[in-house]
Protein backbone atom coordinates (compact mmCIF):
# COMPACT_ATOMS: atom_id res chain seq x y z
CA UNK A 1 127.77 74.04 114.99
CA UNK A 2 127.05 74.53 111.25
CA UNK A 3 128.35 77.12 108.85
CA UNK A 4 126.95 80.61 108.27
CA UNK A 5 124.03 80.82 105.91
CA UNK A 6 123.43 83.45 103.37
CA UNK A 7 119.85 83.48 102.15
CA UNK A 8 119.32 85.40 98.86
CA UNK A 9 115.89 86.73 97.99
CA UNK A 10 115.23 86.98 94.17
CA UNK A 11 114.36 90.42 92.94
CA UNK A 12 111.45 89.47 90.82
CA UNK A 13 109.23 92.61 91.38
CA UNK A 14 109.52 93.45 87.78
CA UNK A 15 108.08 89.96 86.86
CA UNK A 16 104.99 90.36 88.97
CA UNK A 17 102.94 92.14 86.28
CA UNK A 18 99.63 90.32 86.82
CA UNK A 19 99.01 90.17 90.68
CA UNK A 20 101.07 93.18 91.65
CA UNK A 21 101.53 91.70 95.17
CA UNK A 22 102.75 94.31 97.72
CA UNK A 23 105.13 91.87 99.24
CA UNK A 24 108.42 90.48 97.91
CA UNK A 25 108.30 86.99 96.54
CA UNK A 26 109.88 85.44 99.62
CA UNK A 27 107.05 86.63 101.80
CA UNK A 28 104.41 85.20 99.59
CA UNK A 29 102.63 82.59 101.73
CA UNK A 30 102.87 78.85 100.75
CA UNK A 31 100.30 76.63 102.69
CA UNK A 32 100.18 79.19 105.45
CA UNK A 33 103.69 80.43 105.84
CA UNK A 34 106.08 82.69 103.81
CA UNK A 35 108.67 81.00 101.55
CA UNK A 36 111.29 82.75 103.69
CA UNK A 37 110.05 80.73 106.78
CA UNK A 38 110.76 77.46 105.10
CA UNK A 39 114.38 78.45 104.44
CA UNK A 40 114.72 79.69 108.05
CA UNK A 41 113.50 76.30 109.35
CA UNK A 42 115.83 74.67 107.04
CA UNK A 43 118.82 76.70 108.28
CA UNK A 44 117.82 75.97 112.00
CA UNK A 45 117.61 72.35 111.37
CA UNK A 46 121.10 72.44 109.83
CA UNK A 47 122.37 74.24 112.91
CA UNK A 48 123.51 77.38 111.09
CA UNK A 49 125.70 79.42 113.26
CA UNK A 50 124.44 82.78 111.83
CA UNK A 51 121.72 83.67 109.19
CA UNK A 52 121.82 86.63 106.94
CA UNK A 53 119.11 87.48 104.38
CA UNK A 54 120.42 89.41 101.19
CA UNK A 55 117.60 91.24 99.57
CA UNK A 56 117.30 93.94 96.89
CA UNK A 57 113.40 93.82 96.60
CA UNK A 58 111.74 95.65 99.44
CA UNK A 59 114.13 94.61 102.17
CA UNK A 60 112.32 96.75 104.73
CA UNK A 61 109.41 94.56 104.49
CA UNK A 62 111.46 91.44 105.05
CA UNK A 63 113.23 93.12 108.07
CA UNK A 64 109.82 94.17 109.52
CA UNK A 65 108.50 90.58 109.25
CA UNK A 66 111.61 89.29 110.90
CA UNK A 67 111.58 91.84 113.59
CA UNK A 68 108.62 90.16 115.26
CA UNK A 69 111.13 87.54 116.15
CA UNK A 70 108.75 85.19 117.96
CA UNK A 71 109.68 82.09 115.89
CA UNK A 72 113.37 82.11 115.38
CA UNK A 73 116.08 81.18 117.99
CA UNK A 74 118.81 83.16 116.30
CA UNK A 75 119.15 86.79 115.29
CA UNK A 76 118.84 87.19 111.60
CA UNK A 77 120.30 90.10 109.63
CA UNK A 78 118.91 91.62 106.37
CA UNK A 79 121.28 93.42 104.02
CA UNK A 80 120.73 94.85 100.61
CA UNK A 81 122.61 93.61 97.59
CA UNK A 82 124.69 90.41 96.91
CA UNK A 83 126.31 88.11 99.56
CA UNK A 84 130.10 88.04 99.75
CA UNK A 85 131.96 85.34 97.98
CA UNK A 86 132.49 82.07 100.00
CA UNK A 87 130.28 80.40 102.57
CA UNK A 88 126.92 78.68 102.23
CA UNK A 89 124.77 80.76 99.77
CA UNK A 90 121.15 79.65 99.15
CA UNK A 91 118.97 81.24 96.46
CA UNK A 92 115.25 81.21 97.57
CA UNK A 93 113.56 80.65 94.36
CA UNK A 94 111.96 77.39 95.57
CA UNK A 95 111.36 75.35 98.66
CA UNK A 96 114.31 73.90 100.36
CA UNK A 97 115.32 70.49 99.07
CA UNK A 98 113.26 70.71 95.85
CA UNK A 99 114.97 69.60 92.60
CA UNK A 100 112.19 69.58 90.03
CA UNK A 101 111.93 72.48 87.55
CA UNK A 102 109.21 75.00 88.32
CA UNK A 103 107.32 77.22 85.84
CA UNK A 104 109.10 80.47 85.06
CA UNK A 105 105.95 82.63 85.23
CA UNK A 106 105.83 83.96 88.74
CA UNK A 107 102.22 83.35 89.92
CA UNK A 108 102.26 79.84 88.26
CA UNK A 109 105.55 79.11 90.25
CA UNK A 110 103.99 80.11 93.38
CA UNK A 111 100.93 77.90 92.89
CA UNK A 112 103.25 74.89 91.92
CA UNK A 113 105.06 75.50 95.40
CA UNK A 114 101.81 74.86 97.17
CA UNK A 115 101.50 71.48 95.57
CA UNK A 116 105.30 70.75 96.33
CA UNK A 117 104.93 71.84 99.97
CA UNK A 118 102.27 69.28 100.55
CA UNK A 119 104.24 66.48 98.81
CA UNK A 120 107.17 67.20 100.94
CA UNK A 121 105.18 66.69 104.15
CA UNK A 122 105.52 63.43 106.01
CA UNK A 123 102.38 61.68 107.47
CA UNK A 124 102.54 61.64 111.20
CA UNK A 125 105.13 64.64 111.24
CA UNK A 126 104.72 67.07 114.05
CA UNK A 127 102.63 69.90 112.35
CA UNK A 128 100.03 72.25 113.46
CA UNK A 129 97.83 71.00 110.53
CA UNK A 130 96.47 67.48 110.75
CA UNK A 131 96.14 65.03 107.87
CA UNK A 132 92.45 63.97 107.99
CA UNK A 133 92.90 61.69 104.90
CA UNK A 134 95.93 60.96 102.77
CA UNK A 135 97.02 64.14 101.10
CA UNK A 136 94.30 66.33 102.76
CA UNK A 137 95.52 68.60 105.47
CA UNK A 138 93.43 70.86 107.63
CA UNK A 139 94.50 73.58 110.03
CA UNK A 140 93.37 74.32 113.61
CA UNK A 141 89.82 75.67 113.96
CA UNK A 142 88.79 74.95 110.40
CA UNK A 143 85.03 73.84 109.85
CA UNK A 144 84.23 71.62 106.98
CA UNK A 145 80.57 70.50 106.24
CA UNK A 146 80.17 66.66 106.35
CA UNK A 147 78.78 66.72 102.67
CA UNK A 148 81.92 68.49 101.35
CA UNK A 149 84.32 66.36 99.25
CA UNK A 150 88.05 67.08 99.49
CA UNK A 151 90.27 65.38 96.91
CA UNK A 152 94.01 65.34 97.47
CA UNK A 153 96.16 67.20 97.43
CA UNK A 154 94.23 69.69 99.35
CA UNK A 155 94.95 72.13 102.18
CA UNK A 156 92.52 73.95 104.31
CA UNK A 157 94.04 76.65 106.53
CA UNK A 158 93.27 77.58 110.13
CA UNK A 159 89.70 78.89 110.85
CA UNK A 160 88.66 78.45 107.32
CA UNK A 161 85.12 77.46 106.44
CA UNK A 162 83.91 74.99 103.79
CA UNK A 163 80.24 74.84 103.06
CA UNK A 164 77.82 72.02 102.24
CA UNK A 165 78.29 70.00 98.97
CA UNK A 166 81.53 71.79 98.06
CA UNK A 167 83.95 69.83 95.81
CA UNK A 168 87.50 70.95 96.38
CA UNK A 169 90.56 69.39 94.74
CA UNK A 170 92.78 68.22 93.49
CA UNK A 171 95.25 70.98 94.11
CA UNK A 172 93.16 73.42 96.07
CA UNK A 173 94.66 75.57 98.90
CA UNK A 174 92.33 77.54 101.15
CA UNK A 175 94.15 80.02 103.47
CA UNK A 176 93.20 81.05 106.91
CA UNK A 177 89.78 82.59 107.68
CA UNK A 178 88.54 82.17 104.01
CA UNK A 179 84.91 81.18 103.64
CA UNK A 180 83.76 78.90 100.92
CA UNK A 181 80.00 78.98 100.66
CA UNK A 182 77.81 75.93 99.63
CA UNK A 183 78.09 74.07 96.38
CA UNK A 184 81.46 75.59 95.23
CA UNK A 185 83.62 73.53 92.87
CA UNK A 186 87.36 74.32 92.75
CA UNK A 187 90.33 72.59 91.07
CA UNK A 188 93.90 73.87 90.75
CA UNK A 189 93.11 77.06 92.75
CA UNK A 190 94.26 79.18 95.79
CA UNK A 191 91.77 81.00 97.94
CA UNK A 192 93.72 83.68 99.89
CA UNK A 193 93.05 84.60 103.55
CA UNK A 194 89.91 86.47 104.44
CA UNK A 195 88.33 85.91 101.03
CA UNK A 196 84.80 84.83 100.58
CA UNK A 197 83.64 82.54 97.65
CA UNK A 198 80.05 82.69 96.88
CA UNK A 199 77.73 79.57 96.41
CA UNK A 200 77.51 77.80 93.10
CA UNK A 201 80.92 79.30 92.00
CA UNK A 202 83.58 77.33 90.14
CA UNK A 203 87.22 78.11 90.33
CA UNK A 204 89.78 76.57 88.09
CA UNK A 205 93.43 77.45 87.63
CA UNK A 206 92.64 80.59 89.63
CA UNK A 207 93.71 82.55 92.66
CA UNK A 208 91.03 84.44 94.53
CA UNK A 209 92.12 87.38 96.87
CA UNK A 210 89.28 89.53 98.27
CA UNK A 211 87.46 90.82 95.07
CA UNK A 212 90.34 89.97 92.78
CA UNK A 213 90.19 86.81 90.62
CA UNK A 214 93.47 85.99 88.98
CA UNK A 215 93.96 83.12 86.36
CA UNK A 216 97.36 81.92 86.90
CA UNK A 217 97.32 79.96 83.67
CA UNK A 218 96.21 82.75 81.39
CA UNK A 219 98.02 85.51 83.41
CA UNK A 220 94.92 87.81 83.59
CA UNK A 221 93.42 89.45 86.63
CA UNK A 222 89.85 90.74 87.09
CA UNK A 223 88.20 92.77 89.86
CA UNK A 224 84.82 91.05 90.80
CA UNK A 225 82.34 93.91 92.02
CA UNK A 226 79.61 91.61 93.04
CA UNK A 227 80.13 90.61 96.72
CA UNK A 228 77.89 87.53 96.44
CA UNK A 229 80.60 86.12 94.11
CA UNK A 230 83.76 87.17 95.70
CA UNK A 231 84.33 89.43 98.69
CA UNK A 232 87.04 90.58 101.06
CA UNK A 233 86.23 89.48 104.67
CA UNK A 234 89.11 91.46 106.18
CA UNK A 235 88.44 94.57 108.31
CA UNK A 236 87.80 97.76 106.18
CA UNK A 237 90.67 100.15 106.65
CA UNK A 238 89.80 102.97 104.00
CA UNK A 239 87.14 104.61 106.06
CA UNK A 240 87.53 106.06 109.62
CA UNK A 241 85.93 104.30 112.45
CA UNK A 242 83.32 105.93 114.59
CA UNK A 243 85.83 106.65 117.32
CA UNK A 244 88.07 108.48 114.78
CA UNK A 245 85.19 110.54 113.46
CA UNK A 246 84.18 111.50 117.13
CA UNK A 247 87.73 112.49 117.99
CA UNK A 248 87.94 114.54 114.65
CA UNK A 249 84.62 116.30 115.55
CA UNK A 250 85.78 117.14 119.10
CA UNK A 251 89.11 118.66 117.74
CA UNK A 252 87.74 120.33 114.61
CA UNK A 253 86.44 123.62 115.83
CA UNK A 254 89.21 124.43 118.48
CA UNK A 255 92.05 123.35 116.03
CA UNK A 256 90.57 125.32 113.20
CA UNK A 257 90.26 128.41 115.51
CA UNK A 258 93.80 127.99 116.78
CA UNK A 259 95.15 127.51 113.33
CA UNK A 260 93.42 130.60 111.95
CA UNK A 261 94.78 132.74 114.81
CA UNK A 262 98.27 131.35 114.51
CA UNK A 263 98.18 132.19 110.77
CA UNK A 264 96.45 135.69 110.87
CA UNK A 265 96.86 137.37 107.49
CA UNK A 266 97.96 134.18 105.64
CA UNK A 267 95.50 132.03 103.81
CA UNK A 268 95.63 128.22 103.55
CA UNK A 269 97.09 126.50 100.50
CA UNK A 270 94.39 124.52 98.58
CA UNK A 271 95.06 121.04 97.14
CA UNK A 272 92.73 118.51 95.42
CA UNK A 273 93.58 114.99 96.19
CA UNK A 274 92.41 111.97 94.15
CA UNK A 275 92.34 108.90 96.39
CA UNK A 276 89.64 108.86 99.00
CA UNK A 277 86.72 106.33 99.48
CA UNK A 278 84.35 109.00 97.90
CA UNK A 279 86.39 110.32 95.15
CA UNK A 280 88.25 113.72 94.88
CA UNK A 281 88.67 115.90 97.89
CA UNK A 282 89.90 119.47 98.41
CA UNK A 283 92.05 120.02 101.35
CA UNK A 284 93.20 123.40 102.83
CA UNK A 285 96.53 123.62 104.74
CA UNK A 286 97.89 126.53 106.63
CA UNK A 287 101.58 127.46 106.24
CA UNK A 288 102.58 127.67 109.91
CA UNK A 289 102.25 125.82 113.26
CA UNK A 290 102.18 122.18 114.31
CA UNK A 291 101.02 119.74 111.83
CA UNK A 292 97.55 119.24 113.60
CA UNK A 293 97.02 123.09 113.31
CA UNK A 294 98.31 123.32 109.75
CA UNK A 295 95.83 120.61 108.80
CA UNK A 296 93.10 121.50 111.04
CA UNK A 297 90.54 121.86 108.24
CA UNK A 298 91.34 118.28 107.17
CA UNK A 299 89.38 117.19 110.37
CA UNK A 300 86.09 117.90 108.63
CA UNK A 301 87.08 115.37 105.97
CA UNK A 302 87.75 112.67 108.87
CA UNK A 303 84.15 113.72 110.37
CA UNK A 304 82.58 113.14 106.97
CA UNK A 305 84.35 109.73 106.44
CA UNK A 306 86.63 110.89 103.71
CA UNK A 307 90.02 110.52 105.57
CA UNK A 308 91.39 108.57 108.44
CA UNK A 309 93.18 110.19 111.37
CA UNK A 310 96.27 108.18 110.48
CA UNK A 311 97.11 107.01 106.94
CA UNK A 312 99.43 107.49 104.10
CA UNK A 313 99.52 111.28 102.89
CA UNK A 314 96.81 112.20 100.45
CA UNK A 315 98.02 112.59 96.83
CA UNK A 316 96.83 114.60 93.89
CA UNK A 317 96.13 113.00 90.62
CA UNK A 318 99.67 114.07 89.23
CA UNK A 319 101.34 112.63 92.17
CA UNK A 320 99.64 109.33 91.71
CA UNK A 321 100.56 109.20 88.10
CA UNK A 322 104.23 109.75 88.97
CA UNK A 323 104.47 106.75 91.06
CA UNK A 324 105.75 103.51 89.51
CA UNK A 325 102.88 100.97 88.77
CA UNK A 326 103.82 98.51 91.50
CA UNK A 327 104.05 101.35 94.06
CA UNK A 328 100.78 102.73 93.13
CA UNK A 329 99.09 99.38 93.33
CA UNK A 330 100.43 99.00 96.80
CA UNK A 331 99.53 102.56 98.14
CA UNK A 332 96.05 102.49 96.58
CA UNK A 333 95.14 99.79 99.14
CA UNK A 334 96.09 101.99 102.03
CA UNK A 335 93.87 104.77 103.52
CA UNK A 336 94.80 108.24 103.20
CA UNK A 337 95.10 110.09 106.60
CA UNK A 338 95.56 113.40 108.40
CA UNK A 339 98.84 112.24 110.02
CA UNK A 340 101.30 109.84 108.35
CA UNK A 341 104.36 107.82 109.24
CA UNK A 342 106.30 109.84 106.66
CA UNK A 343 105.53 113.07 108.75
CA UNK A 344 107.54 111.40 111.60
CA UNK A 345 110.55 111.26 109.29
CA UNK A 346 110.07 114.99 108.26
CA UNK A 347 108.57 114.04 104.77
CA UNK A 348 105.42 116.12 104.65
CA UNK A 349 104.98 116.34 100.89
CA UNK A 350 104.04 113.36 98.71
CA UNK A 351 106.15 114.70 95.92
CA UNK A 352 109.33 114.49 98.03
CA UNK A 353 112.08 112.08 97.03
CA UNK A 354 111.94 109.93 100.26
CA UNK A 355 108.25 110.15 101.12
CA UNK A 356 107.17 107.11 99.16
CA UNK A 357 109.66 104.80 101.09
CA UNK A 358 107.86 105.56 104.35
CA UNK A 359 104.46 105.36 102.63
CA UNK A 360 105.36 101.96 101.22
CA UNK A 361 106.43 100.69 104.68
CA UNK A 362 103.35 101.94 106.34
CA UNK A 363 101.07 100.44 103.52
CA UNK A 364 102.83 97.18 102.97
CA UNK A 365 104.60 95.97 106.22
CA UNK A 366 103.29 92.54 107.33
CA UNK A 367 100.62 92.33 109.86
CA UNK A 368 99.99 96.19 109.85
CA UNK A 369 103.22 96.99 111.61
CA UNK A 370 103.71 100.22 109.61
CA UNK A 371 100.40 101.58 110.58
CA UNK A 372 101.01 100.51 114.22
CA UNK A 373 104.16 102.49 114.29
CA UNK A 374 102.36 105.58 112.98
CA UNK A 375 99.51 105.12 115.61
CA UNK A 376 102.14 104.87 118.45
CA UNK A 377 103.74 108.10 117.18
CA UNK A 378 100.48 110.00 116.33
CA UNK A 379 100.53 112.31 119.23
CA UNK A 380 104.27 113.32 118.51
CA UNK A 381 103.46 113.64 114.80
CA UNK A 382 100.37 115.92 115.50
CA UNK A 383 102.65 118.38 117.49
CA UNK A 384 105.53 118.18 115.11
CA UNK A 385 106.28 121.61 113.55
CA UNK A 386 107.97 121.43 110.12
CA UNK A 387 110.88 123.69 109.51
CA UNK A 388 109.18 125.33 106.42
């Protein structure tokens, strides 16, 4: 049995000024899996008796990713701060076993780790991906047009699509479910998952994520508004589904009536919130009763497609301005809703000191775990009566 392993996640959030990724660096995917996963594999190969991750940067997101637990044979702890003296301490700033110096700029470092991840692979190794030619790896379910030319090193993720006459590589990494249309040329580039690249496009020293194009060499990022050039293929989360709108329509009139009767003689408070799919929105909230009745008039906004039934709490312009830039970048990608995970923890006001932590978890937890927790607790949240 090996020694206890302490894996230390670097706190590099302040260095991520260009991408503003909602995940800590150790959860950034490298050829299909997070950097942390490489280190956990290494610890298991070395028969570590126990594994503890020490993280100061968004440890709740690391904990949520680990809590899925389907890949690891050992229980893994997550603690904030620094590891104790002694024992095997490993700083996760690079892939295990790497010795060459990487760029100091964060996104450039991440890109270089993709190249290194492929170079460390062994031909014939037992992997989900298959090596179709030296240095060219393809994941399961990927479809590549016969006329496409892939120059090593190159990695095409699971269920990705590469169109006719594409010329990809060297150093091109296409994540799962990405779609590369016909006649695309790319060199030294990463295409993130669920991203569409339009035909006749050229990428060089760039990262494409949805509608965001980031040049890792120059350190600049641009939002591309034309969907025929770049587009996000992931499911839209900002607007309510038809089922949500129908549910809100059925609840609207009886809840408004019940809320008005419960608050006879007391008018609702009025608030203008800024972040909705269609711009500013005025919400009216009664002072008494369960949350569903207090916010009964919000149901009309769900019916009109302005709010979701479950999301982060809506914020005013001043409340958005009060957020740190990296937190605002994260929360702006998450839909506002009538009910929130922070409500479950008795944080009903976005200006509260603890509300942002629950909102960040709901918005940024891997694989939508934060939203799923809010959905599972939605009925209890709806009938929760705040103390004031």
